[in-house]
Amino acid sequence: MIVQVLDRAREADLGPVVVAADDARICAVVEAAGGRAVMTSKDHASGSDRVREAVNKADPDCDIILNLQGDVPLIDPASLAAALDPLTDDAVDIGTIMTEIHDESGRIDPSFVKAVTTPLSGGRHRALYFTRATAPTGEGPLFQHIGVYAWRRAALERFVAMPPSPLEMREKLEQLRALEAGMRIDVSLVPATPMDVNTPQDLERVRAAFARMETASEKA
């Protein structure tokens, strides 16, 4: 799975790709696939802390960092570029992505993190809040946040230096630390939700999706 995510990142062609891992077996698999891996501490409290260590080791002069988790082997490479788009505005600290929720069950499912935003020009939104609750209330679309983050280096350094915030701990959502500290997060709307892998059942769904794609490719 990590090699599939590595391939999606390379297909996006946004810059050097480095896998941050705390297990030598992951590093070995990545390197066997022609990728670059960096060993990081097993003691990090969050993915952002791990990313910061990896960037400091791999490219200390890097100004923009895209944090892509290793559990989305089917993510569209165009979605990664969309996460970077908000950083064209110098006022934005962090860029990320979201997609509209069309399934009624997703509107009430706390595992579907909702992005509460206000629209800007050019299809971008400014994040006001993130929550596991069904929000905002009333008529209108709801948006699922997808955990891909584009960081300015200074924003990442500031973020990891801060302790977890009250709302972050209450909602169990790391990005709320940034909002509570007054950092600006802008969000790009993308057309599809990547199929992430959190359970054995998710893994089987992803395997079935790859099998369908292979069958379609063979018929083409």
N, C-alpha and C. Protein backbone atom coordinates (compact mmCIF):
# COMPACT_ATOMS: atom_id res chain seq x y z
N MET A 1 0.82 -1.21 0.00
CA MET A 1 0.00 0.00 0.00
C MET A 1 0.86 1.26 0.00
N ILE A 2 1.95 1.25 0.77
CA ILE A 2 2.78 2.45 0.82
C ILE A 2 3.40 2.74 -0.54
N VAL A 3 3.70 1.70 -1.30
CA VAL A 3 4.26 1.92 -2.64
C VAL A 3 3.21 2.54 -3.56
N GLN A 4 1.96 2.12 -3.42
CA GLN A 4 0.90 2.73 -4.22
C GLN A 4 0.77 4.22 -3.90
N VAL A 5 0.82 4.57 -2.61
CA VAL A 5 0.75 5.99 -2.23
C VAL A 5 1.97 6.74 -2.76
N LEU A 6 3.12 6.11 -2.66
CA LEU A 6 4.35 6.70 -3.22
C LEU A 6 4.18 6.99 -4.71
N ASP A 7 3.58 6.04 -5.42
CA ASP A 7 3.36 6.24 -6.86
C ASP A 7 2.41 7.40 -7.13
N ARG A 8 1.34 7.52 -6.32
CA ARG A 8 0.41 8.64 -6.52
C ARG A 8 1.14 9.97 -6.30
N ALA A 9 2.00 10.02 -5.30
CA ALA A 9 2.74 11.25 -5.01
C ALA A 9 3.69 11.59 -6.16
N ARG A 10 4.35 10.55 -6.70
CA ARG A 10 5.26 10.81 -7.82
C ARG A 10 4.50 11.23 -9.06
N GLU A 11 3.31 10.65 -9.27
CA GLU A 11 2.51 11.02 -10.43
C GLU A 11 2.06 12.49 -10.36
N ALA A 12 1.88 12.99 -9.14
CA ALA A 12 1.48 14.40 -8.99
C ALA A 12 2.57 15.34 -9.47
N ASP A 13 3.82 14.91 -9.40
CA ASP A 13 4.96 15.66 -9.94
C ASP A 13 5.02 17.08 -9.36
N LEU A 14 4.96 17.15 -8.03
CA LEU A 14 4.98 18.45 -7.36
C LEU A 14 6.32 18.79 -6.75
N GLY A 15 7.24 17.81 -6.73
CA GLY A 15 8.54 18.02 -6.11
C GLY A 15 9.07 16.71 -5.59
N PRO A 16 10.22 16.74 -4.90
CA PRO A 16 10.79 15.52 -4.35
C PRO A 16 9.82 14.85 -3.38
N VAL A 17 9.79 13.52 -3.42
CA VAL A 17 8.90 12.74 -2.55
C VAL A 17 9.75 11.97 -1.55
N VAL A 18 9.43 12.12 -0.27
CA VAL A 18 10.14 11.43 0.80
C VAL A 18 9.12 10.75 1.70
N VAL A 19 9.35 9.49 2.02
CA VAL A 19 8.48 8.77 2.94
C VAL A 19 9.08 8.83 4.34
N ALA A 20 8.29 9.31 5.30
CA ALA A 20 8.71 9.35 6.70
C ALA A 20 8.16 8.11 7.40
N ALA A 21 9.03 7.34 8.03
CA ALA A 21 8.61 6.09 8.66
C ALA A 21 9.35 5.88 9.97
N ASP A 22 8.75 5.07 10.84
CA ASP A 22 9.44 4.72 12.09
C ASP A 22 9.71 3.22 12.14
N ASP A 23 9.67 2.58 10.98
CA ASP A 23 9.88 1.13 10.89
C ASP A 23 10.80 0.85 9.70
N ALA A 24 11.89 0.15 9.96
CA ALA A 24 12.87 -0.13 8.91
C ALA A 24 12.27 -0.94 7.78
N ARG A 25 11.25 -1.74 8.06
CA ARG A 25 10.63 -2.54 7.00
C ARG A 25 9.95 -1.65 5.97
N ILE A 26 9.32 -0.57 6.43
CA ILE A 26 8.70 0.36 5.49
C ILE A 26 9.76 1.03 4.63
N CYS A 27 10.83 1.46 5.26
CA CYS A 27 11.93 2.08 4.50
C CYS A 27 12.47 1.14 3.45
N ALA A 28 12.62 -0.13 3.78
CA ALA A 28 13.17 -1.11 2.84
C ALA A 28 12.24 -1.28 1.64
N VAL A 29 10.93 -1.33 1.88
CA VAL A 29 9.97 -1.48 0.79
C VAL A 29 10.01 -0.25 -0.12
N VAL A 30 10.06 0.92 0.47
CA VAL A 30 10.09 2.16 -0.32
C VAL A 30 11.35 2.22 -1.17
N GLU A 31 12.48 1.91 -0.57
CA GLU A 31 13.75 1.97 -1.31
C GLU A 31 13.81 0.92 -2.40
N ALA A 32 13.22 -0.24 -2.18
CA ALA A 32 13.18 -1.27 -3.22
C ALA A 32 12.33 -0.82 -4.41
N ALA A 33 11.38 0.08 -4.16
CA ALA A 33 10.54 0.62 -5.23
C ALA A 33 11.14 1.87 -5.86
N GLY A 34 12.38 2.18 -5.50
CA GLY A 34 13.05 3.34 -6.08
C GLY A 34 12.73 4.64 -5.41
N GLY A 35 12.11 4.59 -4.22
CA GLY A 35 11.78 5.80 -3.49
C GLY A 35 12.80 6.14 -2.43
N ARG A 36 12.59 7.27 -1.79
CA ARG A 36 13.47 7.71 -0.70
C ARG A 36 12.69 7.68 0.60
N ALA A 37 13.28 7.10 1.62
CA ALA A 37 12.64 7.01 2.94
C ALA A 37 13.56 7.60 4.00
N VAL A 38 12.95 8.16 5.05
CA VAL A 38 13.69 8.73 6.16
C VAL A 38 13.16 8.11 7.44
N MET A 39 14.03 7.56 8.25
CA MET A 39 13.64 7.02 9.55
C MET A 39 13.41 8.16 10.53
N THR A 40 12.29 8.08 11.25
CA THR A 40 11.95 9.08 12.26
C THR A 40 11.67 8.40 13.59
N SER A 41 11.58 9.19 14.62
CA SER A 41 11.37 8.67 15.97
C SER A 41 10.03 7.95 16.09
N LYS A 42 9.99 6.95 16.96
CA LYS A 42 8.73 6.26 17.25
C LYS A 42 7.89 7.02 18.27
N ASP A 43 8.40 8.10 18.82
CA ASP A 43 7.77 8.77 19.95
C ASP A 43 6.96 10.01 19.58
N HIS A 44 6.75 10.27 18.30
CA HIS A 44 6.02 11.47 17.92
C HIS A 44 4.55 11.37 18.32
N ALA A 45 4.01 12.48 18.80
CA ALA A 45 2.61 12.53 19.21
C ALA A 45 1.67 12.70 18.02
N SER A 46 2.19 13.20 16.91
CA SER A 46 1.33 13.46 15.75
C SER A 46 2.11 13.29 14.46
N GLY A 47 1.35 13.19 13.38
CA GLY A 47 1.97 13.12 12.06
C GLY A 47 2.72 14.37 11.71
N SER A 48 2.25 15.52 12.18
CA SER A 48 2.94 16.78 11.87
C SER A 48 4.33 16.81 12.49
N ASP A 49 4.47 16.26 13.70
CA ASP A 49 5.79 16.19 14.33
C ASP A 49 6.72 15.29 13.52
N ARG A 50 6.18 14.19 13.01
CA ARG A 50 6.99 13.27 12.20
C ARG A 50 7.42 13.93 10.90
N VAL A 51 6.49 14.64 10.27
CA VAL A 51 6.81 15.33 9.02
C VAL A 51 7.91 16.35 9.24
N ARG A 52 7.81 17.09 10.33
CA ARG A 52 8.84 18.10 10.61
C ARG A 52 10.21 17.46 10.75
N GLU A 53 10.31 16.34 11.49
CA GLU A 53 11.60 15.67 11.63
C GLU A 53 12.12 15.20 10.27
N ALA A 54 11.24 14.61 9.48
CA ALA A 54 11.65 14.09 8.17
C ALA A 54 12.14 15.21 7.25
N VAL A 55 11.43 16.33 7.25
CA VAL A 55 11.83 17.45 6.40
C VAL A 55 13.17 18.02 6.85
N ASN A 56 13.37 18.13 8.15
CA ASN A 56 14.65 18.64 8.65
C ASN A 56 15.81 17.75 8.24
N LYS A 57 15.56 16.44 8.14
CA LYS A 57 16.61 15.51 7.71
C LYS A 57 16.78 15.50 6.20
N ALA A 58 15.66 15.56 5.49
CA ALA A 58 15.71 15.37 4.04
C ALA A 58 16.03 16.65 3.27
N ASP A 59 15.48 17.79 3.71
CA ASP A 59 15.65 19.04 2.96
C ASP A 59 15.43 20.23 3.90
N PRO A 60 16.44 20.60 4.67
CA PRO A 60 16.29 21.67 5.65
C PRO A 60 15.91 23.02 5.05
N ASP A 61 16.13 23.22 3.75
CA ASP A 61 15.85 24.51 3.12
C ASP A 61 14.49 24.56 2.44
N CYS A 62 13.73 23.49 2.53
CA CYS A 62 12.43 23.42 1.87
C CYS A 62 11.45 24.42 2.48
N ASP A 63 10.74 25.17 1.64
CA ASP A 63 9.81 26.20 2.13
C ASP A 63 8.36 25.71 2.20
N ILE A 64 7.99 24.76 1.34
CA ILE A 64 6.62 24.25 1.27
C ILE A 64 6.66 22.74 1.43
N ILE A 65 5.81 22.21 2.30
CA ILE A 65 5.76 20.77 2.56
C ILE A 65 4.34 20.28 2.37
N LEU A 66 4.17 19.19 1.63
CA LEU A 66 2.87 18.56 1.46
C LEU A 66 2.87 17.27 2.27
N ASN A 67 1.95 17.18 3.22
CA ASN A 67 1.84 16.01 4.10
C ASN A 67 0.74 15.09 3.57
N LEU A 68 1.14 13.94 3.03
CA LEU A 68 0.21 12.94 2.50
C LEU A 68 0.35 11.68 3.34
N GLN A 69 -0.74 11.20 3.91
CA GLN A 69 -0.68 10.00 4.72
C GLN A 69 -0.59 8.76 3.84
N GLY A 70 -0.07 7.69 4.43
CA GLY A 70 0.19 6.48 3.67
C GLY A 70 -0.96 5.51 3.54
N ASP A 71 -2.19 5.97 3.83
CA ASP A 71 -3.34 5.06 3.80
C ASP A 71 -4.33 5.39 2.69
N VAL A 72 -3.89 6.13 1.66
CA VAL A 72 -4.80 6.53 0.58
C VAL A 72 -4.22 6.12 -0.78
N PRO A 73 -4.15 4.82 -1.06
CA PRO A 73 -3.50 4.36 -2.29
C PRO A 73 -4.23 4.75 -3.56
N LEU A 74 -5.48 5.17 -3.45
CA LEU A 74 -6.25 5.52 -4.65
C LEU A 74 -6.47 7.03 -4.79
N ILE A 75 -5.76 7.83 -4.04
CA ILE A 75 -5.97 9.28 -4.13
C ILE A 75 -5.59 9.79 -5.51
N ASP A 76 -6.39 10.70 -6.02
CA ASP A 76 -6.14 11.33 -7.32
C ASP A 76 -4.96 12.29 -7.18
N PRO A 77 -3.91 12.14 -7.98
CA PRO A 77 -2.78 13.08 -7.89
C PRO A 77 -3.20 14.54 -8.03
N ALA A 78 -4.29 14.80 -8.77
CA ALA A 78 -4.76 16.18 -8.91
C ALA A 78 -5.22 16.75 -7.58
N SER A 79 -5.67 15.90 -6.67
CA SER A 79 -6.08 16.37 -5.35
C SER A 79 -4.90 16.90 -4.55
N LEU A 80 -3.72 16.33 -4.79
CA LEU A 80 -2.53 16.80 -4.09
C LEU A 80 -2.17 18.21 -4.56
N ALA A 81 -2.27 18.44 -5.86
CA ALA A 81 -2.03 19.79 -6.37
C ALA A 81 -3.06 20.77 -5.83
N ALA A 82 -4.30 20.32 -5.67
CA ALA A 82 -5.35 21.19 -5.15
C ALA A 82 -5.07 21.62 -3.71
N ALA A 83 -4.44 20.74 -2.92
CA ALA A 83 -4.10 21.11 -1.55
C ALA A 83 -3.06 22.22 -1.51
N LEU A 84 -2.21 22.27 -2.52
CA LEU A 84 -1.18 23.31 -2.59
C LEU A 84 -1.72 24.65 -3.07
N ASP A 85 -2.80 24.64 -3.83
CA ASP A 85 -3.30 25.86 -4.46
C ASP A 85 -3.50 27.03 -3.49
N PRO A 86 -4.05 26.80 -2.28
CA PRO A 86 -4.28 27.95 -1.39
C PRO A 86 -3.02 28.71 -1.03
N LEU A 87 -1.86 28.05 -1.10
CA LEU A 87 -0.63 28.72 -0.68
C LEU A 87 -0.15 29.75 -1.71
N THR A 88 -0.86 29.88 -2.83
CA THR A 88 -0.56 30.99 -3.75
C THR A 88 -0.92 32.33 -3.11
N ASP A 89 -1.75 32.29 -2.07
CA ASP A 89 -2.11 33.49 -1.31
C ASP A 89 -1.16 33.57 -0.11
N ASP A 90 -0.39 34.63 -0.02
CA ASP A 90 0.60 34.77 1.05
C ASP A 90 -0.02 34.80 2.44
N ALA A 91 -1.32 35.10 2.53
CA ALA A 91 -1.97 35.19 3.84
C ALA A 91 -2.32 33.81 4.41
N VAL A 92 -2.22 32.77 3.58
CA VAL A 92 -2.63 31.42 3.99
C VAL A 92 -1.44 30.68 4.59
N ASP A 93 -1.65 30.06 5.74
CA ASP A 93 -0.61 29.28 6.41
C ASP A 93 -0.62 27.81 5.98
N ILE A 94 -1.82 27.27 5.80
CA ILE A 94 -1.98 25.84 5.53
C ILE A 94 -3.04 25.67 4.44
N GLY A 95 -2.77 24.80 3.48
CA GLY A 95 -3.76 24.43 2.47
C GLY A 95 -4.21 23.00 2.69
N THR A 96 -5.47 22.73 2.36
CA THR A 96 -5.97 21.36 2.47
C THR A 96 -7.12 21.19 1.49
N ILE A 97 -7.81 20.04 1.55
CA ILE A 97 -8.86 19.74 0.57
C ILE A 97 -10.10 19.18 1.27
N MET A 98 -11.22 19.25 0.56
CA MET A 98 -12.46 18.67 1.04
C MET A 98 -13.30 18.25 -0.15
N THR A 99 -14.33 17.45 0.12
CA THR A 99 -15.24 17.03 -0.94
C THR A 99 -16.66 17.05 -0.39
N GLU A 100 -17.63 17.26 -1.26
CA GLU A 100 -19.02 17.30 -0.80
C GLU A 100 -19.49 15.91 -0.39
N ILE A 101 -20.25 15.85 0.70
CA ILE A 101 -20.82 14.59 1.18
C ILE A 101 -22.17 14.39 0.50
N HIS A 102 -22.30 13.30 -0.25
CA HIS A 102 -23.55 13.01 -0.95
C HIS A 102 -24.35 11.89 -0.28
N ASP A 103 -23.69 11.10 0.54
CA ASP A 103 -24.33 9.98 1.22
C ASP A 103 -24.91 10.48 2.55
N GLU A 104 -26.18 10.23 2.78
CA GLU A 104 -26.83 10.71 4.01
C GLU A 104 -26.14 10.16 5.25
N SER A 105 -25.66 8.93 5.19
CA SER A 105 -25.01 8.35 6.37
C SER A 105 -23.73 9.11 6.70
N GLY A 106 -23.05 9.62 5.68
CA GLY A 106 -21.83 10.38 5.91
C GLY A 106 -22.08 11.69 6.63
N ARG A 107 -23.28 12.25 6.47
CA ARG A 107 -23.59 13.53 7.11
C ARG A 107 -23.64 13.41 8.63
N ILE A 108 -23.96 12.21 9.13
CA ILE A 108 -24.08 12.03 10.57
C ILE A 108 -22.96 11.17 11.15
N ASP A 109 -22.09 10.65 10.31
CA ASP A 109 -21.01 9.76 10.76
C ASP A 109 -19.87 10.61 11.33
N PRO A 110 -19.50 10.42 12.62
CA PRO A 110 -18.42 11.23 13.19
C PRO A 110 -17.05 10.94 12.59
N SER A 111 -16.91 9.82 11.88
CA SER A 111 -15.63 9.56 11.22
C SER A 111 -15.47 10.40 9.96
N PHE A 112 -16.56 10.99 9.47
CA PHE A 112 -16.52 11.94 8.36
C PHE A 112 -16.33 13.33 8.97
N VAL A 113 -15.10 13.80 8.99
CA VAL A 113 -14.83 15.10 9.60
C VAL A 113 -15.38 16.20 8.69
N LYS A 114 -16.20 17.06 9.25
CA LYS A 114 -16.84 18.12 8.47
C LYS A 114 -15.99 19.38 8.48
N ALA A 115 -15.81 19.96 7.30
CA ALA A 115 -15.14 21.25 7.17
C ALA A 115 -16.23 22.32 7.08
N VAL A 116 -16.23 23.23 8.04
CA VAL A 116 -17.17 24.36 8.04
C VAL A 116 -16.40 25.54 7.48
N THR A 117 -16.83 26.03 6.33
CA THR A 117 -16.04 27.01 5.58
C THR A 117 -16.90 28.14 5.06
N THR A 118 -16.23 29.19 4.62
CA THR A 118 -16.90 30.26 3.88
C THR A 118 -16.24 30.34 2.51
N PRO A 119 -17.03 30.44 1.44
CA PRO A 119 -16.45 30.42 0.10
C PRO A 119 -15.68 31.69 -0.24
N LEU A 120 -14.60 31.49 -0.99
CA LEU A 120 -13.81 32.58 -1.53
C LEU A 120 -13.90 32.51 -3.05
N SER A 121 -13.14 33.32 -3.72
CA SER A 121 -13.14 33.27 -5.18
C SER A 121 -12.30 32.09 -5.67
N GLY A 122 -12.55 31.71 -6.91
CA GLY A 122 -11.73 30.67 -7.54
C GLY A 122 -11.96 29.28 -7.00
N GLY A 123 -13.12 29.03 -6.40
CA GLY A 123 -13.43 27.69 -5.91
C GLY A 123 -12.76 27.34 -4.59
N ARG A 124 -12.09 28.27 -3.96
CA ARG A 124 -11.47 28.02 -2.66
C ARG A 124 -12.39 28.44 -1.54
N HIS A 125 -12.12 27.88 -0.37
CA HIS A 125 -12.88 28.20 0.83
C HIS A 125 -11.91 28.52 1.95
N ARG A 126 -12.37 29.32 2.90
CA ARG A 126 -11.59 29.57 4.10
C ARG A 126 -12.19 28.76 5.25
N ALA A 127 -11.37 28.00 5.94
CA ALA A 127 -11.85 27.16 7.02
C ALA A 127 -12.18 27.99 8.24
N LEU A 128 -13.38 27.78 8.77
CA LEU A 128 -13.80 28.42 10.01
C LEU A 128 -13.72 27.44 11.17
N TYR A 129 -13.99 26.15 10.89
CA TYR A 129 -13.98 25.14 11.94
C TYR A 129 -13.96 23.76 11.29
N PHE A 130 -13.51 22.76 12.04
CA PHE A 130 -13.60 21.36 11.65
C PHE A 130 -14.25 20.61 12.81
N THR A 131 -15.14 19.68 12.48
CA THR A 131 -15.88 19.01 13.55
C THR A 131 -16.32 17.62 13.12
N ARG A 132 -16.52 16.75 14.12
CA ARG A 132 -17.08 15.43 13.86
C ARG A 132 -18.62 15.45 13.90
N ALA A 133 -19.16 16.57 14.35
CA ALA A 133 -20.61 16.72 14.40
C ALA A 133 -21.15 17.03 13.00
N THR A 134 -22.48 16.97 12.87
CA THR A 134 -23.13 17.33 11.62
C THR A 134 -23.26 18.85 11.58
N ALA A 135 -22.42 19.49 10.79
CA ALA A 135 -22.40 20.96 10.80
C ALA A 135 -21.92 21.47 9.44
N PRO A 136 -22.41 22.66 9.06
CA PRO A 136 -23.38 23.49 9.78
C PRO A 136 -24.79 22.94 9.64
N THR A 137 -25.68 23.42 10.49
CA THR A 137 -27.07 22.99 10.43
C THR A 137 -27.80 23.74 9.30
N GLY A 138 -29.03 23.34 9.03
CA GLY A 138 -29.81 24.01 7.99
C GLY A 138 -29.61 23.40 6.62
N GLU A 139 -30.29 23.97 5.64
CA GLU A 139 -30.22 23.48 4.27
C GLU A 139 -28.87 23.82 3.64
N GLY A 140 -28.40 22.94 2.80
CA GLY A 140 -27.16 23.20 2.08
C GLY A 140 -26.21 22.04 2.16
N PRO A 141 -25.13 22.08 1.38
CA PRO A 141 -24.19 20.97 1.34
C PRO A 141 -23.35 20.88 2.61
N LEU A 142 -22.86 19.68 2.88
CA LEU A 142 -21.85 19.46 3.90
C LEU A 142 -20.60 18.95 3.21
N PHE A 143 -19.45 19.26 3.78
CA PHE A 143 -18.18 18.91 3.16
C PHE A 143 -17.34 18.06 4.09
N GLN A 144 -16.78 17.00 3.55
CA GLN A 144 -15.88 16.13 4.30
C GLN A 144 -14.44 16.61 4.11
N HIS A 145 -13.76 16.84 5.22
CA HIS A 145 -12.35 17.21 5.15
C HIS A 145 -11.51 15.99 4.84
N ILE A 146 -10.53 16.15 3.97
CA ILE A 146 -9.59 15.09 3.62
C ILE A 146 -8.22 15.51 4.13
N GLY A 147 -7.61 14.64 4.93
CA GLY A 147 -6.41 15.02 5.67
C GLY A 147 -5.12 15.08 4.87
N VAL A 148 -5.09 15.92 3.87
CA VAL A 148 -3.88 16.22 3.12
C VAL A 148 -3.56 17.69 3.40
N TYR A 149 -2.35 17.96 3.87
CA TYR A 149 -2.01 19.32 4.30
C TYR A 149 -0.79 19.83 3.54
N ALA A 150 -0.92 21.06 3.04
CA ALA A 150 0.22 21.78 2.47
C ALA A 150 0.63 22.85 3.47
N TRP A 151 1.85 22.77 3.94
CA TRP A 151 2.35 23.66 4.98
C TRP A 151 3.39 24.64 4.45
N ARG A 152 3.31 25.88 4.89
CA ARG A 152 4.49 26.73 4.81
C ARG A 152 5.43 26.27 5.92
N ARG A 153 6.72 26.31 5.64
CA ARG A 153 7.67 25.82 6.63
C ARG A 153 7.52 26.54 7.97
N ALA A 154 7.37 27.84 7.92
CA ALA A 154 7.23 28.61 9.16
C ALA A 154 5.98 28.21 9.93
N ALA A 155 4.90 27.91 9.20
CA ALA A 155 3.66 27.50 9.85
C ALA A 155 3.83 26.14 10.54
N LEU A 156 4.52 25.22 9.88
CA LEU A 156 4.75 23.91 10.48
C LEU A 156 5.60 24.04 11.74
N GLU A 157 6.64 24.85 11.69
CA GLU A 157 7.49 25.04 12.86
C GLU A 157 6.69 25.65 14.02
N ARG A 158 5.85 26.61 13.70
CA ARG A 158 5.03 27.25 14.74
C ARG A 158 4.05 26.23 15.33
N PHE A 159 3.45 25.44 14.46
CA PHE A 159 2.43 24.49 14.90
C PHE A 159 3.00 23.46 15.86
N VAL A 160 4.11 22.83 15.50
CA VAL A 160 4.64 21.75 16.34
C VAL A 160 5.21 22.29 17.66
N ALA A 161 5.49 23.59 17.71
CA ALA A 161 6.00 24.17 18.95
C ALA A 161 4.90 24.45 19.96
N MET A 162 3.64 24.40 19.52
CA MET A 162 2.51 24.70 20.41
C MET A 162 1.99 23.42 21.05
N PRO A 163 1.48 23.50 22.28
CA PRO A 163 0.85 22.34 22.90
C PRO A 163 -0.51 22.07 22.26
N PRO A 164 -1.04 20.86 22.39
CA PRO A 164 -2.41 20.60 21.92
C PRO A 164 -3.39 21.59 22.53
N SER A 165 -4.36 22.02 21.72
CA SER A 165 -5.31 23.03 22.16
C SER A 165 -6.58 22.39 22.73
N PRO A 166 -7.39 23.17 23.45
CA PRO A 166 -8.60 22.59 24.05
C PRO A 166 -9.55 21.95 23.05
N LEU A 167 -9.85 22.65 21.95
CA LEU A 167 -10.77 22.08 20.97
C LEU A 167 -10.16 20.90 20.23
N GLU A 168 -8.87 20.96 19.98
CA GLU A 168 -8.16 19.83 19.38
C GLU A 168 -8.36 18.57 20.22
N MET A 169 -8.16 18.70 21.51
CA MET A 169 -8.29 17.53 22.39
C MET A 169 -9.75 17.08 22.51
N ARG A 170 -10.66 18.03 22.47
CA ARG A 170 -12.07 17.68 22.61
C ARG A 170 -12.58 16.96 21.36
N GLU A 171 -12.26 17.49 20.17
CA GLU A 171 -12.74 16.90 18.92
C GLU A 171 -11.81 15.80 18.39
N LYS A 172 -10.62 15.72 18.96
CA LYS A 172 -9.59 14.78 18.46
C LYS A 172 -9.26 15.12 17.00
N LEU A 173 -9.07 16.42 16.74
CA LEU A 173 -8.74 16.91 15.40
C LEU A 173 -7.56 17.87 15.51
N GLU A 174 -6.42 17.45 15.01
CA GLU A 174 -5.18 18.20 15.16
C GLU A 174 -5.24 19.59 14.53
N GLN A 175 -5.97 19.71 13.41
CA GLN A 175 -5.98 20.98 12.69
C GLN A 175 -6.64 22.11 13.48
N LEU A 176 -7.42 21.76 14.50
CA LEU A 176 -8.04 22.81 15.30
C LEU A 176 -7.01 23.58 16.12
N ARG A 177 -5.87 22.98 16.39
CA ARG A 177 -4.80 23.71 17.09
C ARG A 177 -4.39 24.94 16.28
N ALA A 178 -4.29 24.76 14.97
CA ALA A 178 -3.89 25.88 14.11
C ALA A 178 -4.95 26.98 14.12
N LEU A 179 -6.22 26.60 13.99
CA LEU A 179 -7.28 27.61 13.98
C LEU A 179 -7.36 28.34 15.31
N GLU A 180 -7.23 27.61 16.42
CA GLU A 180 -7.30 28.25 17.73
C GLU A 180 -6.14 29.24 17.93
N ALA A 181 -5.03 28.99 17.25
CA ALA A 181 -3.89 29.89 17.37
C ALA A 181 -3.96 31.05 16.38
N GLY A 182 -5.04 31.13 15.60
CA GLY A 182 -5.19 32.23 14.66
C GLY A 182 -4.53 31.99 13.32
N MET A 183 -4.11 30.77 13.05
CA MET A 183 -3.51 30.47 11.75
C MET A 183 -4.62 30.29 10.71
N ARG A 184 -4.31 30.62 9.48
CA ARG A 184 -5.32 30.56 8.42
C ARG A 184 -5.17 29.27 7.62
N ILE A 185 -6.28 28.57 7.49
CA ILE A 185 -6.34 27.36 6.68
C ILE A 185 -7.35 27.60 5.56
N ASP A 186 -6.92 27.48 4.32
CA ASP A 186 -7.82 27.54 3.18
C ASP A 186 -7.97 26.16 2.57
N VAL A 187 -9.13 25.92 1.97
CA VAL A 187 -9.51 24.58 1.54
C VAL A 187 -9.93 24.61 0.07
N SER A 188 -9.41 23.67 -0.71
CA SER A 188 -9.85 23.49 -2.10
C SER A 188 -10.88 22.38 -2.16
N LEU A 189 -11.91 22.59 -2.94
CA LEU A 189 -12.95 21.57 -3.13
C LEU A 189 -12.52 20.64 -4.26
N VAL A 190 -12.51 19.34 -3.98
CA VAL A 190 -12.13 18.33 -4.99
C VAL A 190 -13.33 17.44 -5.25
N PRO A 191 -13.37 16.78 -6.42
CA PRO A 191 -14.60 16.07 -6.80
C PRO A 191 -14.82 14.73 -6.12
N ALA A 192 -13.79 14.09 -5.59
CA ALA A 192 -13.98 12.73 -5.09
C ALA A 192 -13.21 12.52 -3.80
N THR A 193 -13.75 11.65 -2.94
CA THR A 193 -13.10 11.29 -1.69
C THR A 193 -12.18 10.10 -1.93
N PRO A 194 -10.92 10.17 -1.54
CA PRO A 194 -10.05 9.00 -1.69
C PRO A 194 -10.50 7.89 -0.76
N MET A 195 -10.34 6.66 -1.20
CA MET A 195 -10.72 5.50 -0.40
C MET A 195 -9.57 5.20 0.56
N ASP A 196 -9.70 5.64 1.81
CA ASP A 196 -8.61 5.41 2.76
C ASP A 196 -8.78 4.07 3.46
N VAL A 197 -7.71 3.60 4.05
CA VAL A 197 -7.68 2.27 4.65
C VAL A 197 -7.46 2.41 6.15
N ASN A 198 -8.52 2.14 6.91
CA ASN A 198 -8.46 2.20 8.37
C ASN A 198 -8.78 0.87 9.03
N THR A 199 -9.40 -0.04 8.29
CA THR A 199 -9.83 -1.32 8.84
C THR A 199 -9.53 -2.43 7.83
N PRO A 200 -9.55 -3.70 8.26
CA PRO A 200 -9.39 -4.81 7.30
C PRO A 200 -10.45 -4.77 6.20
N GLN A 201 -11.65 -4.31 6.53
CA GLN A 201 -12.70 -4.21 5.52
C GLN A 201 -12.36 -3.16 4.47
N ASP A 202 -11.79 -2.05 4.92
CA ASP A 202 -11.34 -1.01 3.97
C ASP A 202 -10.28 -1.57 3.03
N LEU A 203 -9.38 -2.36 3.56
CA LEU A 203 -8.31 -2.93 2.74
C LEU A 203 -8.89 -3.83 1.65
N GLU A 204 -9.91 -4.61 2.00
CA GLU A 204 -10.53 -5.47 0.99
C GLU A 204 -11.23 -4.64 -0.08
N ARG A 205 -11.84 -3.52 0.31
CA ARG A 205 -12.48 -2.65 -0.68
C ARG A 205 -11.45 -2.08 -1.65
N VAL A 206 -10.30 -1.69 -1.13
CA VAL A 206 -9.25 -1.14 -1.98
C VAL A 206 -8.70 -2.21 -2.91
N ARG A 207 -8.48 -3.41 -2.39
CA ARG A 207 -8.01 -4.50 -3.25
C ARG A 207 -8.99 -4.79 -4.38
N ALA A 208 -10.28 -4.76 -4.04
CA ALA A 208 -11.30 -5.00 -5.07
C ALA A 208 -11.28 -3.89 -6.12
N ALA A 209 -11.06 -2.65 -5.68
CA ALA A 209 -11.00 -1.52 -6.62
C ALA A 209 -9.81 -1.67 -7.56
N PHE A 210 -8.65 -2.06 -7.02
CA PHE A 210 -7.49 -2.28 -7.88
C PHE A 210 -7.73 -3.42 -8.85
N ALA A 211 -8.41 -4.48 -8.40
CA ALA A 211 -8.70 -5.61 -9.28
C ALA A 211 -9.60 -5.18 -10.43
N ARG A 212 -10.58 -4.33 -10.14
CA ARG A 212 -11.46 -3.83 -11.20
C ARG A 212 -10.68 -2.98 -12.19
N MET A 213 -9.77 -2.15 -11.70
CA MET A 213 -8.97 -1.32 -12.59
C MET A 213 -8.05 -2.17 -13.47
N GLU A 214 -7.48 -3.22 -12.90
CA GLU A 214 -6.62 -4.11 -13.68
C GLU A 214 -7.42 -4.82 -14.77
N THR A 215 -8.63 -5.25 -14.42
CA THR A 215 -9.48 -5.92 -15.41
C THR A 215 -9.85 -4.98 -16.53
N ALA A 216 -10.21 -3.74 -16.19
CA ALA A 216 -10.55 -2.76 -17.21
C ALA A 216 -9.36 -2.45 -18.10
N SER A 217 -8.17 -2.39 -17.51
CA SER A 217 -6.97 -2.12 -18.30
C SER A 217 -6.67 -3.23 -19.27
N GLU A 218 -6.88 -4.47 -18.83
CA GLU A 218 -6.63 -5.62 -19.70
C GLU A 218 -7.61 -5.66 -20.89
N LYS A 219 -8.84 -5.19 -20.64
CA LYS A 219 -9.85 -5.20 -21.71
C LYS A 219 -9.65 -4.05 -22.69
N ALA A 220 -8.99 -2.98 -22.24
CA ALA A 220 -8.81 -1.80 -23.09
C ALA A 220 -7.88 -2.07 -24.26
